[in-house]
Protein backbone atom coordinates (compact mmCIF):
# COMPACT_ATOMS: atom_id res chain seq x y z
CA UNK A 1 11.15 -10.11 -17.12
CA UNK A 2 8.60 -12.32 -17.45
CA UNK A 3 5.39 -10.80 -19.31
CA UNK A 4 1.87 -11.91 -20.51
CA UNK A 5 -1.36 -10.93 -22.23
CA UNK A 6 -4.90 -10.23 -20.15
CA UNK A 7 -7.96 -9.24 -21.52
CA UNK A 8 -8.19 -10.37 -24.94
CA UNK A 9 -4.57 -8.80 -25.56
CA UNK A 10 -5.92 -5.10 -24.55
CA UNK A 11 -3.43 -5.05 -21.02
CA UNK A 12 -0.10 -6.30 -20.77
CA UNK A 13 1.21 -7.29 -17.49
CA UNK A 14 4.75 -7.28 -16.43
CA UNK A 15 6.67 -7.88 -13.22
CA UNK A 16 9.96 -8.04 -11.77
CA UNK A 17 12.52 -7.03 -9.36
CA UNK A 18 14.69 -3.99 -8.00
CA UNK A 19 16.66 -3.53 -5.30
CA UNK A 20 16.23 -0.63 -2.35
CA UNK A 21 18.60 1.41 -1.28
CA UNK A 22 19.12 -1.17 1.41
CA UNK A 23 19.55 -3.67 -1.16
CA UNK A 24 16.39 -5.50 -0.60
CA UNK A 25 14.87 -6.97 -3.88
CA UNK A 26 11.66 -5.49 -4.28
CA UNK A 27 8.65 -7.03 -6.34
CA UNK A 28 6.74 -4.65 -8.63
CA UNK A 29 4.19 -5.26 -11.49
CA UNK A 30 3.06 -3.09 -14.27
CA UNK A 31 0.11 -3.22 -16.59
CA UNK A 32 -0.29 -1.18 -19.86
CA UNK A 33 -2.73 -0.21 -22.29
CA UNK A 34 -3.15 -0.81 -25.56
CA UNK A 35 -1.01 2.03 -27.48
CA UNK A 36 0.62 5.11 -25.68
CA UNK A 37 -0.61 5.52 -22.06
CA UNK A 38 -2.67 8.82 -21.33
CA UNK A 39 -1.33 8.66 -17.62
CA UNK A 40 0.03 6.45 -15.08
CA UNK A 41 -1.45 5.82 -11.77
CA UNK A 42 0.86 4.55 -8.87
CA UNK A 43 -0.50 1.98 -6.48
CA UNK A 44 0.69 2.13 -2.89
CA UNK A 45 -1.09 -0.82 -1.45
CA UNK A 46 -2.21 -0.89 2.44
CA UNK A 47 -0.82 -2.92 5.62
CA UNK A 48 -0.18 -6.92 5.22
CA UNK A 49 -1.86 -7.18 1.55
CA UNK A 50 0.15 -6.94 -1.60
CA UNK A 51 -0.19 -4.69 -5.02
CA UNK A 52 -1.99 -7.90 -6.59
CA UNK A 53 -5.05 -6.93 -4.72
CA UNK A 54 -5.61 -4.00 -6.79
CA UNK A 55 -7.59 -5.94 -9.76
CA UNK A 56 -10.76 -3.74 -10.27
CA UNK A 57 -8.74 -0.47 -10.35
CA UNK A 58 -6.24 -2.34 -12.93
CA UNK A 59 -9.59 -3.72 -14.73
CA UNK A 60 -11.49 -0.25 -14.90
CA UNK A 61 -8.71 2.13 -15.67
CA UNK A 62 -6.38 0.20 -18.11
CA UNK A 63 -8.63 -0.58 -20.63
CA UNK A 64 -9.14 3.46 -20.77
CA UNK A 65 -5.59 4.26 -21.50
CA UNK A 66 -4.07 4.47 -18.08
CA UNK A 67 -0.86 2.47 -17.23
CA UNK A 68 -1.00 0.82 -13.67
CA UNK A 69 2.23 0.42 -11.90
CA UNK A 70 2.17 -1.27 -8.29
CA UNK A 71 4.84 -2.29 -6.00
CA UNK A 72 5.34 -4.41 -3.26
CA UNK A 73 6.25 -2.89 0.20
CA UNK A 74 9.37 -4.21 2.20
CA UNK A 75 8.00 -7.35 4.27
CA UNK A 76 5.38 -7.76 2.11
CA UNK A 77 3.81 -9.64 -0.75
CA UNK A 78 6.74 -10.94 -3.46
CA UNK A 79 9.33 -8.55 -1.80
CA UNK A 80 12.04 -9.78 0.54
CA UNK A 81 12.39 -8.46 4.44
CA UNK A 82 10.81 -9.69 7.19
CA UNK A 83 6.95 -9.90 7.41
CA UNK A 84 5.27 -6.53 8.39
CA UNK A 85 8.25 -5.13 10.02
CA UNK A 86 10.46 -2.21 8.72
CA UNK A 87 13.14 -0.60 10.84
CA UNK A 88 11.99 3.43 9.80
CA UNK A 89 9.20 4.43 8.04
CA UNK A 90 11.12 6.38 5.44
CA UNK A 91 12.53 2.79 4.19
CA UNK A 92 8.42 2.90 2.54
CA UNK A 93 8.77 6.08 1.10
CA UNK A 94 12.77 5.74 -0.01
CA UNK A 95 11.63 2.69 -1.78
CA UNK A 96 8.57 4.11 -3.47
CA UNK A 97 10.99 7.29 -4.54
CA UNK A 98 13.34 4.57 -6.36
CA UNK A 99 10.38 3.06 -7.82
CA UNK A 100 8.90 6.69 -8.96
CA UNK A 101 12.31 7.51 -10.62
CA UNK A 102 12.17 3.86 -12.63
CA UNK A 103 8.68 4.93 -13.51
CA UNK A 104 9.43 8.28 -14.80
CA UNK A 105 12.11 6.91 -16.76
CA UNK A 106 9.85 3.95 -18.74
CA UNK A 107 6.89 7.02 -19.17
CA UNK A 108 8.60 10.00 -19.51
CA UNK A 109 6.62 13.42 -19.67
CA UNK A 110 3.43 11.29 -18.63
CA UNK A 111 1.42 12.55 -16.01
CA UNK A 112 1.81 10.20 -12.87
CA UNK A 113 -1.01 9.94 -10.27
CA UNK A 114 -0.30 8.59 -7.01
CA UNK A 115 -3.13 6.15 -5.42
CA UNK A 116 -2.81 5.08 -1.87
CA UNK A 117 -5.03 2.80 0.19
CA UNK A 118 -5.05 2.64 3.98
CA UNK A 119 -1.02 1.94 4.85
CA UNK A 120 -0.46 3.25 1.98
CA UNK A 121 -2.29 6.05 2.26
CA UNK A 122 0.08 7.22 4.99
CA UNK A 123 3.05 6.31 2.89
CA UNK A 124 1.53 8.15 0.07
CA UNK A 125 0.93 11.25 2.45
CA UNK A 126 4.30 11.43 3.60
CA UNK A 127 5.51 10.90 0.12
CA UNK A 128 3.83 13.80 -0.93
CA UNK A 129 5.58 16.28 1.98
CA UNK A 130 8.89 15.82 -0.31
CA UNK A 131 7.99 14.76 -3.80
CA UNK A 132 4.57 16.25 -4.61
CA UNK A 133 5.89 18.37 -7.13
CA UNK A 134 6.31 15.26 -9.28
CA UNK A 135 2.91 14.48 -9.09
CA UNK A 136 -0.22 15.59 -11.38
CA UNK A 137 -2.44 14.61 -8.20
CA UNK A 138 -3.05 12.07 -5.69
CA UNK A 139 -6.28 9.90 -5.20
CA UNK A 140 -6.04 8.31 -1.07
CA UNK A 141 -8.48 5.66 -0.31
CA UNK A 142 -9.09 4.87 3.50
CA UNK A 143 -5.95 6.58 4.56
CA UNK A 144 -4.17 5.55 8.03
CA UNK A 145 -3.36 9.18 9.19
CA UNK A 146 -5.36 9.62 12.38
CA UNK A 147 -3.97 8.33 15.68
CA UNK A 148 -7.28 5.73 16.57
CA UNK A 149 -8.95 7.69 20.03
CA UNK A 150 -8.10 4.33 22.28
CA UNK A 151 -4.27 5.12 21.55
CA UNK A 152 -3.26 7.49 24.70
CA UNK A 153 0.24 9.41 25.08
CA UNK A 154 0.73 6.58 27.77
CA UNK A 155 -0.07 3.69 24.78
CA UNK A 156 2.49 5.67 22.52
CA UNK A 157 4.66 5.86 24.93
CA UNK A 158 5.09 2.25 25.65
CA UNK A 159 4.86 1.02 22.07
CA UNK A 160 7.75 3.53 21.95
CA UNK A 161 9.93 0.99 24.85
CA UNK A 162 8.40 -1.74 23.19
CA UNK A 163 9.93 -1.15 19.54
CA UNK A 164 13.13 -0.30 21.07
CA UNK A 165 13.30 -3.70 23.35
CA UNK A 166 11.58 -6.24 21.52
CA UNK A 167 10.77 -4.70 17.96
CA UNK A 168 9.56 -7.84 16.45
CA UNK A 169 6.86 -8.96 18.96
CA UNK A 170 3.44 -9.19 17.67
CA UNK A 171 1.11 -6.41 18.77
CA UNK A 172 -2.36 -6.95 16.77
CA UNK A 173 -3.69 -7.94 14.11
CA UNK A 174 -6.75 -7.30 11.25
CA UNK A 175 -10.32 -8.40 11.13
CA UNK A 176 -10.11 -9.78 7.79
CA UNK A 177 -14.44 -9.37 7.95
CA UNK A 178 -13.89 -5.48 7.69
CA UNK A 179 -12.08 -5.15 4.26
CA UNK A 180 -15.34 -5.20 2.46
CA UNK A 181 -19.26 -6.11 2.82
CA UNK A 182 -18.64 -8.64 0.02
CA UNK A 183 -17.79 -12.04 1.74
CA UNK A 184 -15.91 -12.84 -1.62
CA UNK A 185 -13.46 -10.52 -1.28
CA UNK A 186 -13.09 -11.78 2.47
CA UNK A 187 -12.81 -14.79 1.55
CA UNK A 188 -9.86 -14.27 -1.15
CA UNK A 189 -8.27 -12.25 1.57
CA UNK A 190 -8.08 -14.84 4.01
CA UNK A 191 -7.45 -17.58 1.38
CA UNK A 192 -4.42 -15.16 -0.12
CA UNK A 193 -1.22 -16.78 0.73
CA UNK A 194 0.53 -13.02 -0.11
CA UNK A 195 -1.54 -11.78 2.42
CA UNK A 196 0.21 -11.65 6.36
CA UNK A 197 -2.40 -12.84 8.92
CA UNK A 198 -0.17 -12.61 11.47
CA UNK A 199 0.13 -9.53 13.92
CA UNK A 200 1.85 -6.55 13.42
CA UNK A 201 5.09 -6.21 14.86
CA UNK A 202 6.20 -3.42 17.65
CA UNK A 203 8.45 -1.78 15.47
CA UNK A 204 6.31 -1.10 12.48
CA UNK A 205 2.86 0.13 14.90
CA UNK A 206 5.49 2.92 16.46
CA UNK A 207 6.78 3.95 13.13
CA UNK A 208 3.11 4.24 11.82
CA UNK A 209 2.27 6.21 14.70
CA UNK A 210 5.04 8.73 14.15
CA UNK A 211 4.53 9.07 10.31
CA UNK A 212 0.89 9.68 11.42
CA UNK A 213 1.87 12.56 13.64
CA UNK A 214 4.07 13.55 10.85
CA UNK A 215 1.29 14.04 8.63
CA UNK A 216 -1.35 15.61 11.12
CA UNK A 217 1.63 18.46 11.83
CA UNK A 218 2.70 18.79 8.72
CA UNK A 219 -0.15 17.78 6.49
CA UNK A 220 -0.67 21.92 5.31
CA UNK A 221 2.52 21.50 3.32
CA UNK A 222 0.42 19.39 0.69
CA UNK A 223 -1.02 21.69 -1.73
CA UNK A 224 -1.41 19.44 -5.15
CA UNK A 225 -4.83 18.19 -6.53
CA UNK A 226 -6.16 15.36 -4.06
CA UNK A 227 -8.97 13.67 -3.96
CA UNK A 228 -9.87 11.50 -0.55
CA UNK A 229 -12.37 8.24 -0.89
CA UNK A 230 -13.46 7.06 2.25
CA UNK A 231 -15.82 4.44 3.53
CA UNK A 232 -18.23 5.71 6.33
CA UNK A 233 -18.39 2.41 7.92
CA UNK A 234 -14.64 1.42 7.87
CA UNK A 235 -13.89 -0.84 10.79
CA UNK A 236 -9.94 -0.98 10.10
CA UNK A 237 -9.42 2.79 9.64
CA UNK A 238 -11.16 5.82 11.88
CA UNK A 239 -13.15 7.25 8.79
CA UNK A 240 -12.53 10.75 10.62
CA UNK A 241 -8.76 10.59 9.66
CA UNK A 242 -9.78 11.52 6.03
CA UNK A 243 -12.06 14.51 6.88
CA UNK A 244 -8.96 15.59 9.02
CA UNK A 245 -6.47 14.88 6.18
CA UNK A 246 -9.01 17.28 4.07
CA UNK A 247 -9.33 19.87 6.06
CA UNK A 248 -5.55 20.25 7.01
CA UNK A 249 -4.35 20.14 3.35
CA UNK A 250 -3.25 23.27 1.79
CA UNK A 251 -4.65 22.13 -1.59
CA UNK A 252 -6.65 24.44 -3.65
CA UNK A 253 -7.99 21.75 -5.61
CA UNK A 254 -9.27 19.04 -3.26
CA UNK A 255 -12.25 16.58 -2.76
CA UNK A 256 -13.42 14.39 -0.28
CA UNK A 257 -16.08 11.87 -0.99
CA UNK A 258 -17.47 9.69 1.49
CA UNK A 259 -19.39 6.65 0.58
CA UNK A 260 -22.58 5.63 3.03
CA UNK A 261 -22.12 2.17 4.69
CA UNK A 262 -18.89 1.38 3.10
CA UNK A 263 -16.30 -0.61 4.74
CA UNK A 264 -12.63 -0.26 4.54
CA UNK A 265 -11.81 -1.23 0.78
CA UNK A 266 -13.91 1.18 -0.95
CA UNK A 267 -12.44 -0.19 -4.22
CA UNK A 268 -13.52 -3.99 -3.40
CA UNK A 269 -17.09 -3.21 -2.07
CA UNK A 270 -19.88 -4.81 -3.86
CA UNK A 271 -20.57 -0.58 -5.58
CA UNK A 272 -17.03 0.06 -6.26
CA UNK A 273 -18.08 0.83 -9.68
CA UNK A 274 -19.23 3.36 -8.76
CA UNK A 275 -16.14 4.54 -6.83
CA UNK A 276 -14.18 3.57 -9.52
CA UNK A 277 -16.32 6.31 -11.64
CA UNK A 278 -16.39 8.96 -9.21
CA UNK A 279 -12.39 8.37 -9.43
CA UNK A 280 -12.20 8.22 -13.11
CA UNK A 281 -13.94 11.66 -13.45
CA UNK A 282 -11.60 13.24 -11.40
CA UNK A 283 -8.59 11.99 -12.80
CA UNK A 284 -10.19 12.79 -16.43
CA UNK A 285 -10.97 16.46 -15.26
CA UNK A 286 -7.37 17.10 -14.25
CA UNK A 287 -5.79 15.44 -17.26
CA UNK A 288 -8.01 18.05 -18.84
CA UNK A 289 -6.65 20.93 -16.88
CA UNK A 290 -2.81 19.87 -17.89
CA UNK A 291 -1.62 21.82 -20.96
């Protein structure tokens, strides 16, 4: 596993691959602080992107003593697999569990917080249904958990048929201009060779819709400490999904922050420092609660 130093030697970056339960090579990377980490952030990225797009999160938290671990989902970034295609949604959550167990071996006894964005928020929410007891808490950013209002039952039915008959059919792409109000972020997104700019496959769309239905129906089972951050002007994910999830979870320790006028990637907005400070305050408070 190659590694190199960043930020004057204060942050050590390492990368490598492991095999998921289907034998597919999955790319991961981690950023380690100087000295012993206080806690671990498990970054779960969104649709069509990759773990390398969370530099603002890494650069904020690693110097504070947090270790950050990222994974490229199956069919994303540097991982193997057909692009934005998945046979079953739990291929994502099962792979995340394999990676989590490795992190637990590497960082025994350290509190681990899941940080999921967009589709990563959906993956994270589904993951919490079965594995929340292993985590110290979760931060979900712009979680893709609510079925869009223009997706009718008939549309879902047709989607299931397409998923079965033409699973690799491209259905819809993402609007790059919706990721951030910062033109530099948009340009970097468009120019990034690891960002998939094609259309989402019919199979993945159907699997995501099914996962959304699972979360909306079972979110009350989620009881761990949770922070949800959401841009009010999000054009890629319905902002109402964040409120729906907040209202549905049974956690007595839960918080939601809606950032007025922010687009989808609140960690990459011009005012991202404010969001990261809010997340920092929440994490610090929950580390303080641990015995």
